[in-house]
């Protein structure tokens, strides 16, 4: 993992905090903000999105019982 490498490199060429900040920037660079009240990884929000995405499949499976 990248964070483990950051700790080792901190001893070799500088403060660990600098490496942690670099790793954090690399990990978070693809994430963006949201206009919604809750974060995008909020479980109930993801559940509703999954239900909407697979509603047709669920209707076929549950409706035929």
N, C-alpha and C. Protein backbone atom coordinates (compact mmCIF):
# COMPACT_ATOMS: atom_id res chain seq x y z
N UNK A 1 0.84 -1.18 0.00
CA UNK A 1 0.00 0.00 0.00
C UNK A 1 0.88 1.24 0.00
N UNK A 2 0.32 2.28 -0.52
CA UNK A 2 1.08 3.52 -0.67
C UNK A 2 1.47 4.14 0.67
N UNK A 3 0.59 4.04 1.67
CA UNK A 3 0.88 4.68 2.96
C UNK A 3 2.04 4.01 3.67
N UNK A 4 2.21 2.70 3.47
CA UNK A 4 3.34 2.01 4.08
C UNK A 4 4.64 2.47 3.44
N UNK A 5 4.61 2.66 2.15
CA UNK A 5 5.79 3.17 1.45
C UNK A 5 6.13 4.58 1.89
N UNK A 6 5.11 5.37 2.20
CA UNK A 6 5.35 6.75 2.66
C UNK A 6 6.12 6.75 3.98
N UNK A 7 5.79 5.83 4.87
CA UNK A 7 6.48 5.77 6.16
C UNK A 7 7.95 5.39 5.98
N UNK A 8 8.22 4.46 5.08
CA UNK A 8 9.60 4.03 4.85
C UNK A 8 10.40 5.14 4.17
N UNK A 9 9.82 5.79 3.18
CA UNK A 9 10.51 6.86 2.48
C UNK A 9 10.76 8.06 3.37
N UNK A 10 9.92 8.23 4.40
CA UNK A 10 10.14 9.34 5.33
C UNK A 10 11.48 9.23 6.04
N UNK A 11 11.90 8.04 6.32
CA UNK A 11 13.20 7.85 6.97
C UNK A 11 14.34 8.09 5.97
N UNK A 12 14.09 7.80 4.72
CA UNK A 12 15.15 7.88 3.72
C UNK A 12 15.38 9.30 3.22
N UNK A 13 14.30 10.04 2.97
CA UNK A 13 14.53 11.33 2.32
C UNK A 13 13.69 12.48 2.84
N UNK A 14 13.14 12.40 4.02
CA UNK A 14 12.45 13.57 4.54
C UNK A 14 11.33 13.22 5.50
N UNK A 15 10.60 14.23 5.94
CA UNK A 15 9.54 14.02 6.93
C UNK A 15 8.40 13.15 6.40
N UNK A 16 7.89 12.33 7.26
CA UNK A 16 6.79 11.44 6.91
C UNK A 16 5.54 12.23 6.55
N UNK A 17 5.33 13.39 7.19
CA UNK A 17 4.14 14.19 6.92
C UNK A 17 4.07 14.61 5.46
N UNK A 18 5.21 14.91 4.87
CA UNK A 18 5.25 15.31 3.47
C UNK A 18 4.80 14.15 2.60
N UNK A 19 5.28 12.96 2.90
CA UNK A 19 4.89 11.79 2.11
C UNK A 19 3.42 11.44 2.31
N UNK A 20 2.92 11.60 3.53
CA UNK A 20 1.50 11.35 3.77
C UNK A 20 0.64 12.33 2.97
N UNK A 21 1.05 13.58 2.92
CA UNK A 21 0.31 14.58 2.15
C UNK A 21 0.35 14.24 0.66
N UNK A 22 1.47 13.77 0.17
CA UNK A 22 1.59 13.39 -1.24
C UNK A 22 0.68 12.20 -1.56
N UNK A 23 0.68 11.22 -0.69
CA UNK A 23 -0.18 10.05 -0.88
C UNK A 23 -1.65 10.47 -0.83
N UNK A 24 -2.01 11.33 0.11
CA UNK A 24 -3.38 11.79 0.23
C UNK A 24 -3.82 12.52 -1.04
N UNK A 25 -2.95 13.36 -1.59
CA UNK A 25 -3.27 14.06 -2.82
C UNK A 25 -3.51 13.09 -3.97
N UNK A 26 -2.68 12.06 -4.06
CA UNK A 26 -2.81 11.08 -5.13
C UNK A 26 -4.11 10.28 -4.98
N UNK A 27 -4.46 9.93 -3.76
CA UNK A 27 -5.67 9.14 -3.53
C UNK A 27 -6.93 9.99 -3.77
N UNK A 28 -6.91 11.25 -3.35
CA UNK A 28 -8.10 12.09 -3.42
C UNK A 28 -8.24 12.88 -4.71
N UNK A 29 -7.30 12.80 -5.62
CA UNK A 29 -7.35 13.65 -6.82
C UNK A 29 -8.53 13.34 -7.73
N UNK A 30 -9.04 12.11 -7.69
CA UNK A 30 -10.16 11.75 -8.56
C UNK A 30 -11.53 11.99 -7.91
N UNK A 31 -11.54 12.41 -6.66
CA UNK A 31 -12.80 12.65 -5.96
C UNK A 31 -13.20 14.10 -6.10
N UNK A 32 -14.49 14.31 -6.20
CA UNK A 32 -15.01 15.67 -6.29
C UNK A 32 -16.07 15.89 -5.24
N UNK A 33 -16.47 17.11 -5.10
CA UNK A 33 -17.50 17.45 -4.13
C UNK A 33 -18.88 17.05 -4.63
N UNK A 34 -19.86 17.19 -3.79
CA UNK A 34 -21.23 16.87 -4.15
C UNK A 34 -22.13 18.02 -3.74
N UNK A 35 -23.19 18.22 -4.47
CA UNK A 35 -24.16 19.26 -4.13
C UNK A 35 -25.23 18.72 -3.20
N UNK A 36 -25.22 17.42 -2.97
CA UNK A 36 -26.20 16.78 -2.11
C UNK A 36 -25.85 17.02 -0.65
N UNK A 37 -26.82 16.77 0.23
CA UNK A 37 -26.60 16.97 1.67
C UNK A 37 -25.64 15.92 2.24
N UNK A 38 -25.64 14.71 1.67
CA UNK A 38 -24.84 13.62 2.19
C UNK A 38 -23.71 13.29 1.23
N UNK A 39 -22.62 12.71 1.73
CA UNK A 39 -21.51 12.30 0.86
C UNK A 39 -21.95 11.22 -0.13
N UNK A 40 -21.20 11.08 -1.21
CA UNK A 40 -21.57 10.11 -2.24
C UNK A 40 -21.46 8.67 -1.76
N UNK A 41 -20.68 8.40 -0.76
CA UNK A 41 -20.52 7.03 -0.26
C UNK A 41 -21.48 6.71 0.88
N UNK A 42 -22.49 7.55 1.10
CA UNK A 42 -23.49 7.34 2.14
C UNK A 42 -24.31 6.12 1.75
N UNK A 43 -24.37 5.10 2.60
CA UNK A 43 -24.97 3.81 2.28
C UNK A 43 -26.45 3.92 1.84
N UNK A 44 -27.31 4.63 2.57
CA UNK A 44 -28.71 4.71 2.10
C UNK A 44 -28.83 5.34 0.71
N UNK A 45 -27.99 6.29 0.39
CA UNK A 45 -28.01 6.89 -0.95
C UNK A 45 -27.58 5.90 -2.01
N UNK A 46 -26.58 5.12 -1.71
CA UNK A 46 -26.11 4.10 -2.65
C UNK A 46 -27.17 3.00 -2.82
N UNK A 47 -27.88 2.68 -1.75
CA UNK A 47 -28.93 1.67 -1.81
C UNK A 47 -30.06 2.13 -2.73
N UNK A 48 -30.47 3.38 -2.60
CA UNK A 48 -31.52 3.91 -3.47
C UNK A 48 -31.07 3.93 -4.93
N UNK A 49 -29.82 4.30 -5.18
CA UNK A 49 -29.30 4.31 -6.55
C UNK A 49 -29.27 2.89 -7.12
N UNK A 50 -28.89 1.91 -6.31
CA UNK A 50 -28.85 0.51 -6.76
C UNK A 50 -30.26 0.00 -7.05
N UNK A 51 -31.22 0.35 -6.20
CA UNK A 51 -32.61 -0.06 -6.44
C UNK A 51 -33.13 0.54 -7.73
N UNK A 52 -32.82 1.80 -7.99
CA UNK A 52 -33.26 2.45 -9.22
C UNK A 52 -32.60 1.80 -10.44
N UNK A 53 -31.33 1.48 -10.33
CA UNK A 53 -30.59 0.89 -11.44
C UNK A 53 -31.10 -0.50 -11.80
N UNK A 54 -31.43 -1.29 -10.78
CA UNK A 54 -31.81 -2.68 -11.00
C UNK A 54 -33.30 -2.91 -10.80
N UNK A 55 -34.12 -1.86 -10.86
CA UNK A 55 -35.55 -2.00 -10.61
C UNK A 55 -36.21 -2.96 -11.58
N UNK A 56 -35.85 -2.90 -12.85
CA UNK A 56 -36.45 -3.79 -13.84
C UNK A 56 -36.13 -5.25 -13.53
N UNK A 57 -34.89 -5.52 -13.17
CA UNK A 57 -34.49 -6.90 -12.84
C UNK A 57 -35.20 -7.39 -11.59
N UNK A 58 -35.32 -6.52 -10.59
CA UNK A 58 -35.99 -6.91 -9.35
C UNK A 58 -37.47 -7.19 -9.60
N UNK A 59 -38.08 -6.37 -10.44
CA UNK A 59 -39.49 -6.57 -10.75
C UNK A 59 -39.70 -7.91 -11.45
N UNK A 60 -38.81 -8.27 -12.35
CA UNK A 60 -38.93 -9.57 -13.03
C UNK A 60 -38.78 -10.73 -12.06
N UNK A 61 -37.82 -10.62 -11.13
CA UNK A 61 -37.56 -11.71 -10.20
C UNK A 61 -38.64 -11.79 -9.13
N UNK A 62 -39.00 -10.69 -8.53
CA UNK A 62 -39.94 -10.69 -7.41
C UNK A 62 -41.38 -10.80 -7.93
N UNK A 63 -41.65 -10.17 -9.07
CA UNK A 63 -43.01 -10.18 -9.60
C UNK A 63 -43.46 -11.54 -10.10
N UNK A 64 -42.55 -12.43 -10.40
CA UNK A 64 -42.91 -13.74 -10.93
C UNK A 64 -43.09 -14.80 -9.85
N UNK A 65 -42.94 -14.45 -8.61
CA UNK A 65 -43.07 -15.47 -7.56
C UNK A 65 -44.49 -15.83 -7.27
